Structures are given as structure tokens and as C-alpha cells.
Amino acid sequence: MKILSLLALFLLVSCLPDKGDLVYSLDGKPAVSPVEVEAVSFATIQTEILTKCTDCHRWAKTEEGIRKKLVPGNAEASKLFRSVESGFMPEDAPPLTTKELELLRGYINSLVAAP
């Protein structure tokens, strides 16, 4: 019986989708420590992600406008990040990919609060 249980567990785990090199926490979200986050420039997220936003959100065209929706250094506390991570935004387009979410997370987490 134990062998069957172990075999079933092995088969179940081997059928899970590959999520790449990211490390995931128990709640299924990528676990990114501050050391692992690479700084991402505004120009990068503008060309990779924000082009999906600017038709409806004019504020998304500038870094100043974007920063109003962010908590510098804390992507999970940022309204913008929570909206796209949940799939609520973009409203009339496919949800952001894991790569796009990680780029946005890297950008937000690399920001420092203004003095």
C-alpha cells in the first residue's frame, strides 16, 4: 500500500506544469527575495508591458504616473501589481505572462521611496 501511495505521489508531481526557474511559496506565488530581484528600467516595462495599458490609462505613459500606483520596493502592496497579478487588468487583453509579472515585480521592488 505504501509503495502504491508513493508511486501515485511521484506520478502526480511529475505531471505538474513546469514553472521555470522561479521558486514558489506555499500559496503558489513566486517567492522572490530582494537579493534575487534585478533592477528593471522604466523603459523596459514601458515597451514590454505598459503598451497594453495606455489606450485606457493615460497616466501609464509616464514614470511619474506609474509611480502613483506603486509602493516603491513592495510589489505585493502596489495597487497596479495586484490588479495585473489577479488578472483583473488588462481588462480587454490577455493577462500578463509570468515573465511580464516578474519584470514588473523587479521594477517595483527596485524602486526606492522618494525622500
N, C-alpha and C. Protein backbone atom coordinates (compact mmCIF):
# COMPACT_ATOMS: atom_id res chain seq x y z
N MET A 1 0.82 -1.19 0.00
CA MET A 1 0.00 0.00 0.00
C MET A 1 0.87 1.26 0.00
N LYS A 2 1.95 1.26 0.82
CA LYS A 2 2.83 2.42 0.86
C LYS A 2 3.50 2.65 -0.48
N ILE A 3 3.86 1.58 -1.15
CA ILE A 3 4.51 1.70 -2.46
C ILE A 3 3.56 2.33 -3.46
N LEU A 4 2.30 1.91 -3.43
CA LEU A 4 1.30 2.49 -4.34
C LEU A 4 1.09 3.97 -4.05
N SER A 5 1.08 4.35 -2.79
CA SER A 5 0.91 5.75 -2.40
C SER A 5 2.09 6.58 -2.89
N LEU A 6 3.30 6.07 -2.70
CA LEU A 6 4.49 6.77 -3.16
C LEU A 6 4.51 6.89 -4.68
N LEU A 7 4.12 5.83 -5.36
CA LEU A 7 4.07 5.85 -6.82
C LEU A 7 3.05 6.87 -7.30
N ALA A 8 1.89 6.90 -6.67
CA ALA A 8 0.85 7.86 -7.04
C ALA A 8 1.34 9.29 -6.80
N LEU A 9 2.02 9.54 -5.70
CA LEU A 9 2.56 10.86 -5.41
C LEU A 9 3.61 11.25 -6.45
N PHE A 10 4.49 10.33 -6.79
CA PHE A 10 5.50 10.59 -7.80
C PHE A 10 4.87 10.95 -9.14
N LEU A 11 3.86 10.19 -9.55
CA LEU A 11 3.19 10.46 -10.81
C LEU A 11 2.49 11.81 -10.79
N LEU A 12 1.88 12.15 -9.68
CA LEU A 12 1.20 13.43 -9.56
C LEU A 12 2.19 14.58 -9.68
N VAL A 13 3.29 14.50 -8.97
CA VAL A 13 4.29 15.57 -9.01
C VAL A 13 4.93 15.68 -10.38
N SER A 14 5.15 14.58 -11.05
CA SER A 14 5.79 14.62 -12.37
C SER A 14 4.87 15.19 -13.44
N CYS A 15 3.57 15.27 -13.16
CA CYS A 15 2.61 15.81 -14.13
C CYS A 15 2.33 17.29 -13.92
N LEU A 16 2.90 17.89 -12.88
CA LEU A 16 2.68 19.32 -12.64
C LEU A 16 3.37 20.13 -13.73
N PRO A 17 2.78 21.27 -14.12
CA PRO A 17 3.40 22.09 -15.16
C PRO A 17 4.72 22.68 -14.68
N ASP A 18 5.63 22.84 -15.61
CA ASP A 18 6.92 23.44 -15.31
C ASP A 18 6.75 24.94 -15.20
N LYS A 19 7.18 25.50 -14.09
CA LYS A 19 7.07 26.95 -13.89
C LYS A 19 8.42 27.62 -14.04
N GLY A 20 9.33 26.99 -14.71
CA GLY A 20 10.63 27.60 -14.96
C GLY A 20 11.53 27.55 -13.74
N ASP A 21 12.44 28.52 -13.67
CA ASP A 21 13.42 28.55 -12.60
C ASP A 21 12.96 29.30 -11.36
N LEU A 22 11.73 29.78 -11.35
CA LEU A 22 11.25 30.53 -10.20
C LEU A 22 11.01 29.60 -9.02
N VAL A 23 11.18 30.12 -7.83
CA VAL A 23 10.88 29.38 -6.62
C VAL A 23 9.51 29.85 -6.15
N TYR A 24 8.61 28.91 -5.88
CA TYR A 24 7.25 29.28 -5.49
C TYR A 24 7.01 29.00 -4.02
N SER A 25 6.23 29.87 -3.40
CA SER A 25 5.87 29.70 -2.00
C SER A 25 4.66 28.78 -1.90
N LEU A 26 4.23 28.49 -0.69
CA LEU A 26 3.11 27.58 -0.48
C LEU A 26 1.81 28.09 -1.07
N ASP A 27 1.64 29.41 -1.20
CA ASP A 27 0.41 29.95 -1.76
C ASP A 27 0.43 29.98 -3.29
N GLY A 28 1.50 29.48 -3.91
CA GLY A 28 1.57 29.38 -5.36
C GLY A 28 2.14 30.60 -6.05
N LYS A 29 2.50 31.63 -5.29
CA LYS A 29 3.05 32.85 -5.88
C LYS A 29 4.57 32.74 -5.91
N PRO A 30 5.21 33.35 -6.91
CA PRO A 30 6.66 33.31 -6.95
C PRO A 30 7.26 33.93 -5.68
N ALA A 31 8.21 33.25 -5.11
CA ALA A 31 8.89 33.76 -3.92
C ALA A 31 10.19 34.41 -4.39
N VAL A 32 10.23 35.70 -4.33
CA VAL A 32 11.40 36.43 -4.80
C VAL A 32 11.98 37.20 -3.64
N SER A 33 13.20 36.89 -3.30
CA SER A 33 13.84 37.64 -2.23
C SER A 33 14.47 38.89 -2.85
N PRO A 34 14.70 39.93 -2.06
CA PRO A 34 15.29 41.15 -2.59
C PRO A 34 16.63 40.93 -3.28
N VAL A 35 17.36 39.90 -2.85
CA VAL A 35 18.66 39.62 -3.46
C VAL A 35 18.48 39.12 -4.90
N GLU A 36 17.40 38.38 -5.16
CA GLU A 36 17.19 37.79 -6.48
C GLU A 36 16.64 38.78 -7.50
N VAL A 37 16.07 39.89 -7.04
CA VAL A 37 15.42 40.83 -7.94
C VAL A 37 16.46 41.68 -8.66
N GLU A 38 16.38 41.67 -9.97
CA GLU A 38 17.25 42.52 -10.75
C GLU A 38 16.51 43.82 -11.03
N ALA A 39 17.22 44.93 -11.01
CA ALA A 39 16.60 46.21 -11.31
C ALA A 39 16.13 46.20 -12.76
N VAL A 40 14.92 46.65 -12.97
CA VAL A 40 14.33 46.72 -14.30
C VAL A 40 14.04 48.18 -14.57
N SER A 41 14.40 48.66 -15.73
CA SER A 41 14.20 50.07 -16.05
C SER A 41 12.76 50.36 -16.44
N PHE A 42 12.37 51.62 -16.31
CA PHE A 42 11.04 52.04 -16.73
C PHE A 42 10.89 51.82 -18.23
N ALA A 43 11.93 52.08 -19.00
CA ALA A 43 11.87 51.89 -20.46
C ALA A 43 11.52 50.44 -20.80
N THR A 44 12.04 49.50 -20.04
CA THR A 44 11.77 48.08 -20.28
C THR A 44 10.30 47.76 -20.03
N ILE A 45 9.78 48.18 -18.87
CA ILE A 45 8.38 47.86 -18.61
C ILE A 45 7.44 48.65 -19.52
N GLN A 46 7.90 49.81 -19.96
CA GLN A 46 7.07 50.61 -20.87
C GLN A 46 6.89 49.88 -22.19
N THR A 47 7.95 49.33 -22.75
CA THR A 47 7.85 48.64 -24.04
C THR A 47 7.30 47.23 -23.90
N GLU A 48 7.61 46.55 -22.80
CA GLU A 48 7.19 45.16 -22.62
C GLU A 48 5.77 45.01 -22.08
N ILE A 49 5.32 45.97 -21.26
CA ILE A 49 4.06 45.79 -20.54
C ILE A 49 3.07 46.94 -20.73
N LEU A 50 3.54 48.15 -20.52
CA LEU A 50 2.62 49.29 -20.43
C LEU A 50 1.94 49.65 -21.74
N THR A 51 2.42 49.13 -22.84
CA THR A 51 1.73 49.39 -24.12
C THR A 51 0.32 48.80 -24.10
N LYS A 52 0.08 47.82 -23.22
CA LYS A 52 -1.25 47.23 -23.08
C LYS A 52 -2.17 48.10 -22.24
N CYS A 53 -1.61 49.08 -21.54
CA CYS A 53 -2.37 49.88 -20.58
C CYS A 53 -2.74 51.27 -21.10
N THR A 54 -1.90 51.82 -21.95
CA THR A 54 -2.01 53.24 -22.28
C THR A 54 -3.23 53.63 -23.11
N ASP A 55 -3.88 52.69 -23.77
CA ASP A 55 -5.09 53.03 -24.51
C ASP A 55 -6.19 53.50 -23.55
N CYS A 56 -6.27 52.89 -22.39
CA CYS A 56 -7.31 53.24 -21.41
C CYS A 56 -6.79 54.13 -20.28
N HIS A 57 -5.51 54.01 -19.96
CA HIS A 57 -4.94 54.72 -18.81
C HIS A 57 -3.82 55.65 -19.29
N ARG A 58 -4.15 56.91 -19.51
CA ARG A 58 -3.13 57.86 -19.98
C ARG A 58 -2.01 58.05 -18.97
N TRP A 59 -2.33 57.90 -17.68
CA TRP A 59 -1.31 58.06 -16.65
C TRP A 59 -0.19 57.05 -16.79
N ALA A 60 -0.45 55.94 -17.49
CA ALA A 60 0.55 54.87 -17.62
C ALA A 60 1.62 55.20 -18.64
N LYS A 61 1.54 56.37 -19.27
CA LYS A 61 2.54 56.74 -20.27
C LYS A 61 3.81 57.31 -19.66
N THR A 62 3.74 57.74 -18.40
CA THR A 62 4.91 58.35 -17.78
C THR A 62 5.30 57.60 -16.51
N GLU A 63 6.56 57.70 -16.16
CA GLU A 63 7.03 57.05 -14.94
C GLU A 63 6.39 57.70 -13.72
N GLU A 64 6.20 59.01 -13.78
CA GLU A 64 5.55 59.71 -12.67
C GLU A 64 4.12 59.18 -12.46
N GLY A 65 3.40 58.98 -13.55
CA GLY A 65 2.04 58.45 -13.46
C GLY A 65 2.01 57.04 -12.89
N ILE A 66 2.94 56.20 -13.33
CA ILE A 66 3.02 54.82 -12.85
C ILE A 66 3.34 54.78 -11.36
N ARG A 67 4.28 55.60 -10.93
CA ARG A 67 4.71 55.58 -9.52
C ARG A 67 3.59 55.92 -8.56
N LYS A 68 2.56 56.63 -9.03
CA LYS A 68 1.42 56.96 -8.17
C LYS A 68 0.62 55.71 -7.80
N LYS A 69 0.76 54.66 -8.57
CA LYS A 69 0.02 53.41 -8.35
C LYS A 69 0.88 52.35 -7.67
N LEU A 70 2.09 52.73 -7.25
CA LEU A 70 3.04 51.77 -6.71
C LEU A 70 3.45 52.09 -5.28
N VAL A 71 3.86 51.07 -4.57
CA VAL A 71 4.53 51.23 -3.28
C VAL A 71 5.98 50.86 -3.57
N PRO A 72 6.87 51.85 -3.67
CA PRO A 72 8.26 51.56 -4.02
C PRO A 72 8.88 50.50 -3.12
N GLY A 73 9.48 49.49 -3.76
CA GLY A 73 10.13 48.42 -3.02
C GLY A 73 9.19 47.31 -2.56
N ASN A 74 7.89 47.42 -2.88
CA ASN A 74 6.94 46.42 -2.39
C ASN A 74 5.87 46.16 -3.45
N ALA A 75 6.17 45.26 -4.37
CA ALA A 75 5.23 44.98 -5.46
C ALA A 75 3.89 44.46 -4.94
N GLU A 76 3.91 43.58 -3.96
CA GLU A 76 2.67 42.98 -3.46
C GLU A 76 1.74 43.99 -2.82
N ALA A 77 2.25 45.11 -2.35
CA ALA A 77 1.42 46.15 -1.75
C ALA A 77 0.99 47.20 -2.77
N SER A 78 1.44 47.07 -4.00
CA SER A 78 1.16 48.05 -5.04
C SER A 78 -0.15 47.72 -5.76
N LYS A 79 -1.01 48.72 -5.85
CA LYS A 79 -2.32 48.55 -6.48
C LYS A 79 -2.17 48.06 -7.92
N LEU A 80 -1.26 48.64 -8.66
CA LEU A 80 -1.05 48.25 -10.05
C LEU A 80 -0.66 46.78 -10.15
N PHE A 81 0.29 46.36 -9.33
CA PHE A 81 0.75 44.97 -9.40
C PHE A 81 -0.36 44.00 -9.02
N ARG A 82 -1.10 44.32 -7.97
CA ARG A 82 -2.19 43.44 -7.55
C ARG A 82 -3.26 43.31 -8.64
N SER A 83 -3.52 44.40 -9.35
CA SER A 83 -4.53 44.36 -10.42
C SER A 83 -4.13 43.46 -11.57
N VAL A 84 -2.85 43.52 -11.97
CA VAL A 84 -2.43 42.67 -13.08
C VAL A 84 -2.14 41.24 -12.65
N GLU A 85 -1.67 41.06 -11.43
CA GLU A 85 -1.38 39.71 -10.95
C GLU A 85 -2.68 38.91 -10.80
N SER A 86 -3.74 39.56 -10.38
CA SER A 86 -5.02 38.88 -10.19
C SER A 86 -5.73 38.60 -11.52
N GLY A 87 -5.28 39.26 -12.60
CA GLY A 87 -5.93 39.10 -13.89
C GLY A 87 -7.05 40.10 -14.12
N PHE A 88 -7.29 40.97 -13.13
CA PHE A 88 -8.32 42.00 -13.26
C PHE A 88 -7.97 42.96 -14.40
N MET A 89 -6.68 43.23 -14.55
CA MET A 89 -6.19 44.07 -15.64
C MET A 89 -5.12 43.29 -16.39
N PRO A 90 -4.92 43.52 -17.64
CA PRO A 90 -5.65 44.43 -18.52
C PRO A 90 -7.04 43.87 -18.83
N GLU A 91 -8.00 44.77 -18.86
CA GLU A 91 -9.40 44.38 -18.95
C GLU A 91 -9.76 43.68 -20.27
N ASP A 92 -9.34 44.23 -21.38
CA ASP A 92 -9.72 43.67 -22.69
C ASP A 92 -8.54 43.05 -23.43
N ALA A 93 -7.64 42.46 -22.67
CA ALA A 93 -6.46 41.82 -23.27
C ALA A 93 -6.10 40.60 -22.43
N PRO A 94 -5.28 39.72 -22.98
CA PRO A 94 -4.86 38.55 -22.20
C PRO A 94 -4.10 38.98 -20.94
N PRO A 95 -4.15 38.18 -19.88
CA PRO A 95 -3.40 38.53 -18.67
C PRO A 95 -1.90 38.53 -18.93
N LEU A 96 -1.19 39.22 -18.07
CA LEU A 96 0.26 39.27 -18.21
C LEU A 96 0.85 37.88 -18.02
N THR A 97 1.92 37.62 -18.74
CA THR A 97 2.62 36.35 -18.60
C THR A 97 3.45 36.36 -17.32
N THR A 98 3.94 35.22 -16.93
CA THR A 98 4.81 35.13 -15.76
C THR A 98 6.04 36.02 -15.95
N LYS A 99 6.60 36.02 -17.14
CA LYS A 99 7.77 36.86 -17.41
C LYS A 99 7.43 38.34 -17.23
N GLU A 100 6.28 38.76 -17.75
CA GLU A 100 5.88 40.17 -17.63
C GLU A 100 5.62 40.54 -16.16
N LEU A 101 4.99 39.64 -15.42
CA LEU A 101 4.77 39.90 -14.00
C LEU A 101 6.09 40.02 -13.24
N GLU A 102 7.04 39.17 -13.58
CA GLU A 102 8.34 39.23 -12.91
C GLU A 102 9.11 40.50 -13.28
N LEU A 103 8.98 40.96 -14.53
CA LEU A 103 9.59 42.23 -14.91
C LEU A 103 8.99 43.37 -14.09
N LEU A 104 7.68 43.40 -14.01
CA LEU A 104 7.00 44.46 -13.26
C LEU A 104 7.38 44.37 -11.78
N ARG A 105 7.41 43.16 -11.23
CA ARG A 105 7.81 42.97 -9.84
C ARG A 105 9.24 43.49 -9.63
N GLY A 106 10.13 43.17 -10.56
CA GLY A 106 11.52 43.63 -10.45
C GLY A 106 11.62 45.14 -10.49
N TYR A 107 10.83 45.76 -11.36
CA TYR A 107 10.83 47.23 -11.45
C TYR A 107 10.36 47.84 -10.12
N ILE A 108 9.23 47.38 -9.63
CA ILE A 108 8.66 47.94 -8.40
C ILE A 108 9.58 47.71 -7.21
N ASN A 109 10.07 46.49 -7.08
CA ASN A 109 10.91 46.15 -5.93
C ASN A 109 12.27 46.85 -5.97
N SER A 110 12.70 47.31 -7.13
CA SER A 110 13.98 48.01 -7.21
C SER A 110 13.83 49.52 -6.96
N LEU A 111 12.59 50.00 -6.89
CA LEU A 111 12.36 51.42 -6.62
C LEU A 111 12.59 51.72 -5.15
N VAL A 112 13.04 52.93 -4.89
CA VAL A 112 13.16 53.39 -3.52
C VAL A 112 12.19 54.54 -3.34
N ALA A 113 11.67 54.66 -2.14
CA ALA A 113 10.73 55.74 -1.84
C ALA A 113 11.42 57.09 -1.96
N ALA A 114 10.68 58.06 -2.47
CA ALA A 114 11.23 59.42 -2.57
C ALA A 114 11.40 60.00 -1.17
N PRO A 115 12.50 60.73 -0.95
CA PRO A 115 12.76 61.30 0.40
C PRO A 115 11.74 62.35 0.77
